[in-house]
Amino acid sequence: MDKKVFVTHALPGERILALSAHCDMNVWLGPGLLAAEALREELAGCQGLLCLLTDRIDRELVEAMPQLKFVSSMSVGVDHVDVAALTERGIPLGHTPGVLVETTADTTFALLLAAARRIVEADRFVRQGEWRRENRWSPDFFTGKDVEGATLGIVGLGAIGQAVARRAAAFGMQVQAWNRSPRQLPGISLVELDTLLQSSDFVSLHLPLTAETCGLLDARRIALMKPGAVLVNTARGGIVDERALAEALASGALFAAGIDVFEEEPVPEDHPLLGLPNVVLAPHIGSATARTRARMADIAADNAIAALSGEPMPHCVNPEVYRRGPD
């Protein structure tokens, strides 16, 4: 068995065992996440890599690995990988699309509701003993925003955006959307992005991070948002100007935000969103259910097994490599 594959983390699911039967498999067991220097050392001499979203696969790393024949990422997004560098080498890149749609939509709505009704802020109020000390109630005590009857603006009408729209309809929300390419769907009004921002009570982001979407919600567009609106982001952190968002939340221009993704992860200690009470923060857990993570790992393993068997990956980001063949 001469094909070596490096796996950057112990994975759930059942198919990882099947992968081990096809190769000499080395799995990073920690502690913690794999450092870039350790990844370079462990990957040396390997024909395959099964990685996570937290692993940076840049051009320098790819060019330093002449034996590398495939990369399989346990993720839907691949902005952590230099896809062009792999494609130039004829190296297929696998990912795990579709599997986390409903799970991420659930997370989106959980953040939306928690931000609207100030759940985290209220939880902190109780746990820190403020309720006992103040022992007060008034008509405006922890008042939030109504969801039923409100307008939800969905930015990016792919599978996850559509799943969020279905949940919003069940809550009696009016749904409008902007998509980079027009897409007509029942019950959803298509509008221009600036119009959506100006007229939505809640805005939810569902776009991949690309050169075109990086910084899409910049300071100008955040300033366009409806006064008292709520922003939810379970897509990618780089889509939003986080400093401009923090300023809008601190000034009261926006009511609240629910954020699962950040431009830099883990979040730095001095991140401007950390000190604000009207932000619900999560550590990139949009797909974090046991069933979904196991299914993602199984798909990633199956992509790797296909590559080892000389077959096209079932879920390949750059299928053009199969038309041109490896270098």
Protein backbone atom coordinates (compact mmCIF):
# COMPACT_ATOMS: atom_id res chain seq x y z
CA MET A 1 0.00 0.00 0.00
CA ASP A 2 2.11 2.89 -1.28
CA LYS A 3 -0.44 5.72 -1.48
CA LYS A 4 -0.10 8.03 1.49
CA VAL A 5 -2.99 10.23 2.63
CA PHE A 6 -2.88 12.76 5.44
CA VAL A 7 -6.06 13.62 7.38
CA THR A 8 -5.82 16.83 9.39
CA HIS A 9 -8.24 15.84 12.15
CA ALA A 10 -9.95 12.77 13.58
CA LEU A 11 -13.31 12.59 11.77
CA PRO A 12 -16.76 11.25 12.62
CA GLY A 13 -18.81 9.08 10.29
CA GLU A 14 -18.28 5.58 8.94
CA ARG A 15 -16.52 6.09 5.62
CA ILE A 16 -13.22 7.17 7.13
CA LEU A 17 -12.63 3.50 7.97
CA ALA A 18 -13.23 2.57 4.33
CA LEU A 19 -10.69 5.21 3.30
CA SER A 20 -8.05 3.61 5.52
CA ALA A 21 -8.39 0.40 3.49
CA HIS A 22 -7.35 2.24 0.31
CA CYS A 23 -4.19 3.95 1.54
CA ASP A 24 -1.57 4.43 4.17
CA MET A 25 -3.53 6.96 6.22
CA ASN A 26 -2.03 9.26 8.83
CA VAL A 27 -4.47 11.22 11.04
CA TRP A 28 -3.55 14.27 13.10
CA LEU A 29 -4.76 13.61 16.65
CA GLY A 30 -3.93 16.96 18.16
CA PRO A 31 -3.93 18.52 20.60
CA GLY A 32 -5.83 21.39 19.05
CA LEU A 33 -5.91 22.33 15.40
CA LEU A 34 -3.02 21.65 13.07
CA ALA A 35 -0.53 24.51 12.70
CA ALA A 36 0.57 25.52 9.21
CA GLU A 37 4.14 24.39 9.85
CA ALA A 38 2.95 20.98 11.04
CA LEU A 39 0.68 20.61 8.01
CA ARG A 40 3.62 21.17 5.68
CA GLU A 41 5.70 18.58 7.54
CA GLU A 42 2.96 15.95 7.72
CA LEU A 43 1.90 16.39 4.09
CA ALA A 44 5.39 15.88 2.67
CA GLY A 45 5.44 12.79 0.47
CA CYS A 46 1.66 12.34 0.54
CA GLN A 47 -0.47 11.77 -2.54
CA GLY A 48 -3.69 12.89 -0.87
CA LEU A 49 -4.99 15.33 1.72
CA LEU A 50 -8.29 15.31 3.59
CA CYS A 51 -8.58 18.67 5.32
CA LEU A 52 -10.93 20.95 7.21
CA LEU A 53 -12.11 24.53 6.70
CA THR A 54 -9.53 25.61 9.28
CA ASP A 55 -6.60 24.34 7.19
CA ARG A 56 -5.05 26.89 4.84
CA ILE A 57 -4.10 25.27 1.53
CA ASP A 58 -2.32 28.08 -0.29
CA ARG A 59 -0.23 28.18 -3.45
CA GLU A 60 3.05 27.98 -1.56
CA LEU A 61 1.97 24.75 0.13
CA VAL A 62 0.67 23.24 -3.12
CA GLU A 63 3.87 24.05 -5.00
CA ALA A 64 5.94 22.50 -2.22
CA MET A 65 4.11 19.15 -2.56
CA PRO A 66 5.06 17.65 -5.94
CA GLN A 67 3.54 14.26 -5.07
CA LEU A 68 0.12 15.65 -4.17
CA LYS A 69 -2.64 14.19 -6.41
CA PHE A 70 -5.87 15.24 -4.70
CA VAL A 71 -7.36 17.35 -1.91
CA SER A 72 -10.69 16.58 -0.24
CA SER A 73 -12.10 19.22 2.10
CA MET A 74 -14.76 18.50 4.72
CA SER A 75 -16.53 21.75 3.89
CA VAL A 76 -18.92 23.31 1.43
CA GLY A 77 -16.99 26.54 0.99
CA VAL A 78 -13.43 26.33 -0.27
CA ASP A 79 -12.16 29.86 0.31
CA HIS A 80 -9.42 28.31 2.49
CA VAL A 81 -7.98 26.61 -0.60
CA ASP A 82 -6.17 28.14 -3.57
CA VAL A 83 -8.34 26.43 -6.16
CA ALA A 84 -6.43 27.96 -9.07
CA ALA A 85 -3.14 26.55 -7.81
CA LEU A 86 -4.64 23.06 -7.63
CA THR A 87 -6.28 23.34 -11.04
CA GLU A 88 -3.03 24.42 -12.66
CA ARG A 89 -1.49 21.21 -11.38
CA GLY A 90 -4.45 19.08 -12.48
CA ILE A 91 -5.29 18.29 -8.84
CA PRO A 92 -9.00 17.72 -8.10
CA LEU A 93 -10.52 19.40 -5.06
CA GLY A 94 -13.45 17.71 -3.35
CA HIS A 95 -16.01 19.38 -1.08
CA THR A 96 -19.31 18.50 0.62
CA PRO A 97 -22.18 20.48 -0.94
CA GLY A 98 -25.84 20.16 -0.04
CA VAL A 99 -25.42 18.24 3.18
CA LEU A 100 -25.58 21.19 5.58
CA VAL A 101 -28.40 23.22 4.00
CA GLU A 102 -31.15 22.59 6.55
CA THR A 103 -28.78 22.57 9.53
CA THR A 104 -27.30 25.95 8.61
CA ALA A 105 -30.77 27.36 7.95
CA ASP A 106 -31.75 26.27 11.48
CA THR A 107 -28.70 28.06 12.89
CA THR A 108 -29.58 31.17 10.90
CA PHE A 109 -33.06 31.28 12.34
CA ALA A 110 -31.79 30.55 15.85
CA LEU A 111 -29.49 33.58 15.61
CA LEU A 112 -32.27 35.70 14.10
CA LEU A 113 -34.69 34.89 16.92
CA ALA A 114 -32.06 35.23 19.65
CA ALA A 115 -30.98 38.63 18.34
CA ALA A 116 -34.54 39.85 17.85
CA ARG A 117 -35.68 38.88 21.35
CA ARG A 118 -32.40 39.69 23.16
CA ILE A 119 -32.12 36.12 24.47
CA VAL A 120 -28.38 36.14 25.17
CA GLU A 121 -28.54 39.55 26.81
CA ALA A 122 -31.45 38.38 28.99
CA ASP A 123 -29.66 35.14 29.87
CA ARG A 124 -26.64 37.13 31.02
CA PHE A 125 -28.92 39.42 33.07
CA VAL A 126 -30.31 36.42 34.97
CA ARG A 127 -27.01 34.54 35.42
CA GLN A 128 -25.16 37.61 36.73
CA GLY A 129 -27.81 38.20 39.40
CA GLU A 130 -29.03 41.50 37.96
CA TRP A 131 -32.65 40.34 38.02
CA ARG A 132 -32.47 39.64 41.79
CA ARG A 133 -30.61 42.84 42.54
CA GLU A 134 -32.91 45.10 40.56
CA ASN A 135 -36.12 43.10 41.02
CA ARG A 136 -37.85 45.28 38.50
CA TRP A 137 -40.30 45.00 35.68
CA SER A 138 -41.67 47.64 33.35
CA PRO A 139 -43.50 47.66 30.02
CA ASP A 140 -40.19 48.10 28.17
CA PHE A 141 -38.30 45.44 30.18
CA PHE A 142 -36.10 43.56 27.62
CA THR A 143 -38.37 44.45 24.74
CA GLY A 144 -37.21 43.14 21.38
CA LYS A 145 -38.37 43.08 17.77
CA ASP A 146 -41.34 41.21 16.37
CA VAL A 147 -40.52 38.55 13.80
CA GLU A 148 -44.04 37.77 12.66
CA GLY A 149 -45.07 40.26 9.98
CA ALA A 150 -41.55 41.66 9.59
CA THR A 151 -39.67 41.80 6.28
CA LEU A 152 -36.72 39.47 5.84
CA GLY A 153 -34.15 40.32 3.18
CA ILE A 154 -32.13 37.33 2.00
CA VAL A 155 -28.83 38.12 0.31
CA GLY A 156 -27.98 35.07 -1.78
CA LEU A 157 -30.81 32.79 -2.86
CA GLY A 158 -29.00 29.47 -3.10
CA ALA A 159 -30.07 26.33 -1.28
CA ILE A 160 -29.47 27.73 2.22
CA GLY A 161 -31.13 31.05 1.41
CA GLN A 162 -34.16 29.19 0.09
CA ALA A 163 -34.29 27.03 3.24
CA VAL A 164 -34.23 30.18 5.39
CA ALA A 165 -37.05 31.63 3.26
CA ARG A 166 -39.19 28.55 3.99
CA ARG A 167 -38.69 29.02 7.71
CA ALA A 168 -39.44 32.72 7.45
CA ALA A 169 -42.72 31.99 5.65
CA ALA A 170 -43.75 29.69 8.51
CA PHE A 171 -43.17 32.60 10.90
CA GLY A 172 -45.38 34.88 8.84
CA MET A 173 -42.54 37.03 7.54
CA GLN A 174 -42.53 38.85 4.22
CA VAL A 175 -39.53 37.64 2.24
CA GLN A 176 -37.55 39.54 -0.36
CA ALA A 177 -34.19 38.62 -1.83
CA TRP A 178 -31.25 39.68 -3.92
CA ASN A 179 -29.25 37.17 -5.91
CA ARG A 180 -26.29 37.74 -8.17
CA SER A 181 -28.18 36.00 -10.98
CA PRO A 182 -31.98 36.49 -11.13
CA ARG A 183 -33.91 33.58 -9.66
CA GLN A 184 -37.70 33.56 -9.50
CA LEU A 185 -39.20 31.60 -6.60
CA PRO A 186 -42.79 31.55 -5.31
CA GLY A 187 -43.42 33.84 -2.35
CA ILE A 188 -40.13 35.72 -2.69
CA SER A 189 -39.84 39.19 -4.19
CA LEU A 190 -36.59 39.92 -6.03
CA VAL A 191 -35.18 43.41 -5.45
CA GLU A 192 -31.91 45.26 -5.90
CA LEU A 193 -29.42 44.90 -3.06
CA ASP A 194 -29.57 48.52 -1.94
CA THR A 195 -33.38 48.39 -1.97
CA LEU A 196 -33.31 45.23 0.12
CA LEU A 197 -31.06 46.81 2.72
CA GLN A 198 -33.19 49.93 2.95
CA SER A 199 -36.48 48.09 3.38
CA SER A 200 -35.72 44.91 5.39
CA ASP A 201 -36.28 44.54 9.12
CA PHE A 202 -33.94 41.55 9.11
CA VAL A 203 -31.12 40.85 6.65
CA SER A 204 -29.59 37.39 6.33
CA LEU A 205 -26.46 36.63 4.29
CA HIS A 206 -26.06 33.43 2.27
CA LEU A 207 -23.25 33.94 -0.22
CA PRO A 208 -19.90 32.23 -0.78
CA LEU A 209 -16.82 34.32 -0.14
CA THR A 210 -15.34 35.24 -3.51
CA ALA A 211 -13.48 38.20 -4.98
CA GLU A 212 -16.87 39.66 -5.92
CA THR A 213 -18.53 39.19 -2.51
CA CYS A 214 -15.59 40.12 -0.28
CA GLY A 215 -16.60 43.32 1.53
CA LEU A 216 -20.04 43.31 -0.12
CA LEU A 217 -21.60 44.79 3.01
CA ASP A 218 -19.17 47.65 3.38
CA ALA A 219 -19.67 50.80 5.45
CA ARG A 220 -21.79 52.42 2.73
CA ARG A 221 -24.19 49.51 2.47
CA ILE A 222 -24.40 49.01 6.24
CA ALA A 223 -25.37 52.68 6.49
CA LEU A 224 -28.18 52.00 4.00
CA MET A 225 -29.81 49.43 6.26
CA LYS A 226 -33.18 50.24 7.74
CA PRO A 227 -32.87 51.94 11.14
CA GLY A 228 -33.31 49.34 13.88
CA ALA A 229 -32.69 46.38 11.55
CA VAL A 230 -31.02 43.09 12.50
CA LEU A 231 -28.18 41.53 10.50
CA VAL A 232 -27.54 37.77 10.54
CA ASN A 233 -24.45 36.23 8.97
CA THR A 234 -23.92 32.48 8.72
CA ALA A 235 -22.10 32.71 5.36
CA ARG A 236 -18.53 34.03 5.61
CA GLY A 237 -17.04 36.79 7.73
CA GLY A 238 -15.20 38.52 4.92
CA ILE A 239 -18.48 39.51 3.30
CA VAL A 240 -19.10 42.11 6.04
CA ASP A 241 -17.04 45.10 7.15
CA GLU A 242 -17.05 44.07 10.81
CA ARG A 243 -15.75 47.39 12.13
CA ALA A 244 -18.49 49.32 10.31
CA LEU A 245 -21.04 46.83 11.63
CA ALA A 246 -19.80 47.31 15.19
CA GLU A 247 -20.07 51.07 14.84
CA ALA A 248 -23.65 50.81 13.55
CA LEU A 249 -24.60 48.52 16.46
CA ALA A 250 -22.90 50.70 19.06
CA SER A 251 -24.60 53.85 17.78
CA GLY A 252 -28.04 52.25 17.76
CA ALA A 253 -28.42 52.56 14.00
CA LEU A 254 -28.92 48.79 13.96
CA PHE A 255 -30.87 46.97 16.64
CA ALA A 256 -28.82 43.79 16.82
CA ALA A 257 -26.83 41.19 14.94
CA GLY A 258 -26.38 37.43 14.98
CA ILE A 259 -22.92 36.41 13.76
CA ASP A 260 -21.57 32.89 13.28
CA VAL A 261 -18.63 33.67 10.99
CA PHE A 262 -15.77 36.15 11.13
CA GLU A 263 -13.07 37.49 8.86
CA GLU A 264 -10.46 36.13 11.26
CA GLU A 265 -11.18 32.91 13.11
CA PRO A 266 -10.75 32.40 16.03
CA VAL A 267 -11.83 35.94 16.87
CA PRO A 268 -9.10 38.24 18.26
CA GLU A 269 -9.53 39.42 21.84
CA ASP A 270 -9.85 43.02 20.71
CA HIS A 271 -12.53 42.38 18.08
CA PRO A 272 -14.98 45.30 18.15
CA LEU A 273 -18.07 43.07 18.24
CA LEU A 274 -17.07 41.30 21.46
CA GLY A 275 -17.87 44.19 23.76
CA LEU A 276 -21.36 44.90 22.43
CA PRO A 277 -24.42 43.60 24.30
CA ASN A 278 -26.66 43.57 21.22
CA VAL A 279 -24.72 40.93 19.30
CA VAL A 280 -25.25 37.17 19.47
CA LEU A 281 -21.95 35.49 18.64
CA ALA A 282 -21.21 31.87 17.76
CA PRO A 283 -17.91 30.14 16.83
CA HIS A 284 -18.78 29.06 13.26
CA ILE A 285 -21.24 26.32 14.25
CA GLY A 286 -23.70 26.62 11.36
CA SER A 287 -23.34 22.95 10.41
CA ALA A 288 -22.67 21.69 13.93
CA THR A 289 -25.03 18.82 14.49
CA ALA A 290 -23.70 15.30 14.98
CA ARG A 291 -25.62 13.94 12.00
CA THR A 292 -24.59 16.69 9.59
CA ARG A 293 -20.91 16.61 10.55
CA ALA A 294 -20.86 12.82 10.14
CA ARG A 295 -22.44 13.11 6.70
CA MET A 296 -19.90 15.77 5.71
CA ALA A 297 -17.04 13.53 6.81
CA ASP A 298 -18.51 10.60 4.85
CA ILE A 299 -18.74 12.67 1.66
CA ALA A 300 -15.18 13.94 2.12
CA ALA A 301 -13.95 10.37 2.59
CA ASP A 302 -15.85 9.17 -0.49
CA ASN A 303 -14.27 11.96 -2.55
CA ALA A 304 -10.86 10.76 -1.39
CA ILE A 305 -11.67 7.10 -2.09
CA ALA A 306 -12.74 7.96 -5.63
CA ALA A 307 -9.51 9.86 -6.23
CA LEU A 308 -7.42 6.98 -4.91
CA SER A 309 -9.33 4.60 -7.18
CA GLY A 310 -8.61 6.71 -10.25
CA GLU A 311 -12.22 7.83 -10.57
CA PRO A 312 -13.68 11.37 -10.66
CA MET A 313 -14.67 12.71 -7.26
CA PRO A 314 -18.47 12.64 -6.77
CA HIS A 315 -18.34 16.25 -5.57
CA CYS A 316 -15.52 18.13 -7.27
CA VAL A 317 -15.00 21.89 -7.17
CA ASN A 318 -12.80 21.95 -10.30
CA PRO A 319 -14.04 19.16 -12.59
CA GLU A 320 -12.14 20.68 -15.50
CA VAL A 321 -9.05 18.84 -14.23
CA TYR A 322 -10.59 15.61 -15.44
CA ARG A 323 -10.95 16.96 -18.97
CA ARG A 324 -7.32 18.03 -19.18
CA GLY A 325 -5.81 15.30 -17.03
CA PRO A 326 -3.04 15.68 -14.44
CA ASP A 327 0.29 17.25 -15.30
